[in-house]
Protein backbone atom coordinates (compact mmCIF):
# COMPACT_ATOMS: atom_id res chain seq x y z
CA UNK A 1 -11.36 7.72 -7.08
CA UNK A 2 -10.14 4.69 -5.25
CA UNK A 3 -10.96 1.31 -6.70
CA UNK A 4 -12.44 -1.18 -4.28
CA UNK A 5 -10.54 -4.42 -4.62
CA UNK A 6 -11.30 -7.74 -3.06
CA UNK A 7 -8.39 -8.47 -0.74
CA UNK A 8 -8.73 -12.24 -1.18
CA UNK A 9 -8.79 -11.95 -4.98
CA UNK A 10 -5.75 -9.68 -4.96
CA UNK A 11 -3.80 -12.12 -2.79
CA UNK A 12 -4.75 -15.08 -4.99
CA UNK A 13 -3.80 -13.19 -8.16
CA UNK A 14 -0.50 -12.18 -6.57
CA UNK A 15 0.30 -15.80 -5.82
CA UNK A 16 -0.85 -17.11 -9.21
CA UNK A 17 1.21 -14.55 -11.13
CA UNK A 18 4.32 -15.13 -8.99
CA UNK A 19 4.20 -11.60 -7.59
CA UNK A 20 3.57 -9.64 -10.77
CA UNK A 21 0.04 -8.66 -9.72
CA UNK A 22 1.42 -7.75 -6.28
CA UNK A 23 3.65 -5.12 -7.93
CA UNK A 24 0.70 -3.73 -9.91
CA UNK A 25 -1.41 -3.77 -6.75
CA UNK A 26 1.20 -1.82 -4.75
CA UNK A 27 1.66 0.78 -7.49
CA UNK A 28 -2.10 1.23 -7.95
CA UNK A 29 -2.74 1.50 -4.22
CA UNK A 30 0.02 4.06 -3.82
CA UNK A 31 -1.24 6.15 -6.74
CA UNK A 32 -4.85 6.03 -5.58
CA UNK A 33 -4.13 7.03 -1.99
CA UNK A 34 -1.80 9.80 -3.17
CA UNK A 35 -4.45 11.12 -5.56
CA UNK A 36 -7.07 11.00 -2.79
CA UNK A 37 -4.76 13.09 -0.59
CA UNK A 38 -4.05 15.54 -3.41
CA UNK A 39 -0.39 14.50 -3.64
CA UNK A 40 1.71 13.58 -6.67
CA UNK A 41 1.13 10.05 -7.90
CA UNK A 42 4.50 8.41 -7.70
CA UNK A 43 3.82 4.67 -7.52
CA UNK A 44 6.01 3.86 -10.50
CA UNK A 45 8.92 5.83 -9.10
CA UNK A 46 8.52 4.14 -5.73
CA UNK A 47 8.68 0.74 -7.41
CA UNK A 48 11.82 1.79 -9.27
CA UNK A 49 13.39 2.87 -5.97
CA UNK A 50 12.49 -0.52 -4.49
CA UNK A 51 14.36 -2.21 -7.34
CA UNK A 52 17.40 0.06 -7.15
CA UNK A 53 17.75 -0.33 -3.36
CA UNK A 54 17.18 -4.11 -3.46
CA UNK A 55 13.96 -3.82 -1.48
CA UNK A 56 15.14 -1.50 1.30
CA UNK A 57 12.95 1.34 0.04
CA UNK A 58 10.04 -1.11 0.12
CA UNK A 59 10.30 -1.30 3.89
CA UNK A 60 10.12 2.50 4.10
CA UNK A 61 7.26 2.48 1.57
CA UNK A 62 5.13 0.43 3.96
CA UNK A 63 5.66 2.99 6.72
CA UNK A 64 4.98 5.88 4.34
CA UNK A 65 1.76 4.28 3.07
CA UNK A 66 0.59 3.96 6.66
CA UNK A 67 1.03 7.70 7.04
CA UNK A 68 -0.77 8.38 3.75
CA UNK A 69 -3.70 6.19 4.75
CA UNK A 70 -3.88 7.94 8.12
CA UNK A 71 -4.13 11.33 6.37
CA UNK A 72 -6.73 9.99 3.94
CA UNK A 73 -8.93 8.61 6.70
CA UNK A 74 -8.65 11.85 8.67
CA UNK A 75 -9.53 13.79 5.54
CA UNK A 76 -12.62 11.60 5.07
CA UNK A 77 -13.65 12.30 8.66
CA UNK A 78 -13.32 8.65 9.67
CA UNK A 79 -11.75 7.26 12.81
CA UNK A 80 -8.06 7.02 12.01
CA UNK A 81 -5.54 4.79 13.71
CA UNK A 82 -1.87 5.00 12.79
CA UNK A 83 -0.80 1.52 11.64
CA UNK A 84 2.50 2.65 10.13
CA UNK A 85 4.63 0.72 12.63
CA UNK A 86 2.54 -2.42 12.09
CA UNK A 87 3.09 -2.19 8.31
CA UNK A 88 6.78 -1.56 8.86
CA UNK A 89 7.19 -4.60 11.13
CA UNK A 90 5.21 -6.86 8.81
CA UNK A 91 7.41 -5.88 5.88
CA UNK A 92 10.61 -6.39 7.90
CA UNK A 93 9.50 -9.92 8.77
CA UNK A 94 8.65 -10.76 5.14
CA UNK A 95 4.88 -10.39 5.40
CA UNK A 96 4.49 -7.56 2.91
CA UNK A 97 1.46 -9.17 1.31
CA UNK A 98 -0.33 -9.11 4.69
CA UNK A 99 0.61 -5.47 5.12
CA UNK A 100 -0.70 -4.48 1.69
CA UNK A 101 -3.86 -6.51 2.29
CA UNK A 102 -4.56 -4.51 5.46
CA UNK A 103 -3.83 -1.29 3.57
CA UNK A 104 -6.28 -2.28 0.83
CA UNK A 105 -8.91 -3.10 3.43
CA UNK A 106 -8.50 0.38 4.92
CA UNK A 107 -8.55 1.99 1.48
CA UNK A 108 -11.79 0.13 0.68
CA UNK A 109 -13.38 1.84 3.70
CA UNK A 110 -12.76 5.21 2.08
C-alpha cells in the first residue's frame, strides 16, 4: 500500500530537517513503489549506494524510479508517460527535491 503524502508538507519537512526527512522520503517512496510492482524493497540499500558513490548512484536512482513509476502506472491501468529523463535531468542540475516531488505526485495518483 502506498502512502499518500502531501508534496508541500514533505518539501517543508525536508527543508526544516536539513535534508533528513528527504532521505526518509526517498527511501519510503522507493520501497512503496517497489512493493507495488512486486519487486524487492531496496530503499535502504539504494541510499547506502548513494553514500558510497558520493551521490552518483542518486542520479541513476532518479532515472530508475521513473521506470518503476511507469511500470506501476501501467500496472494500474492508468495513462503512463515516461518521465525518467526529466527526473534524470532535474537531479543532474541539483533539483532532486523537485524530481522526488513529481514522483510523489505520480505515486499519489496510484
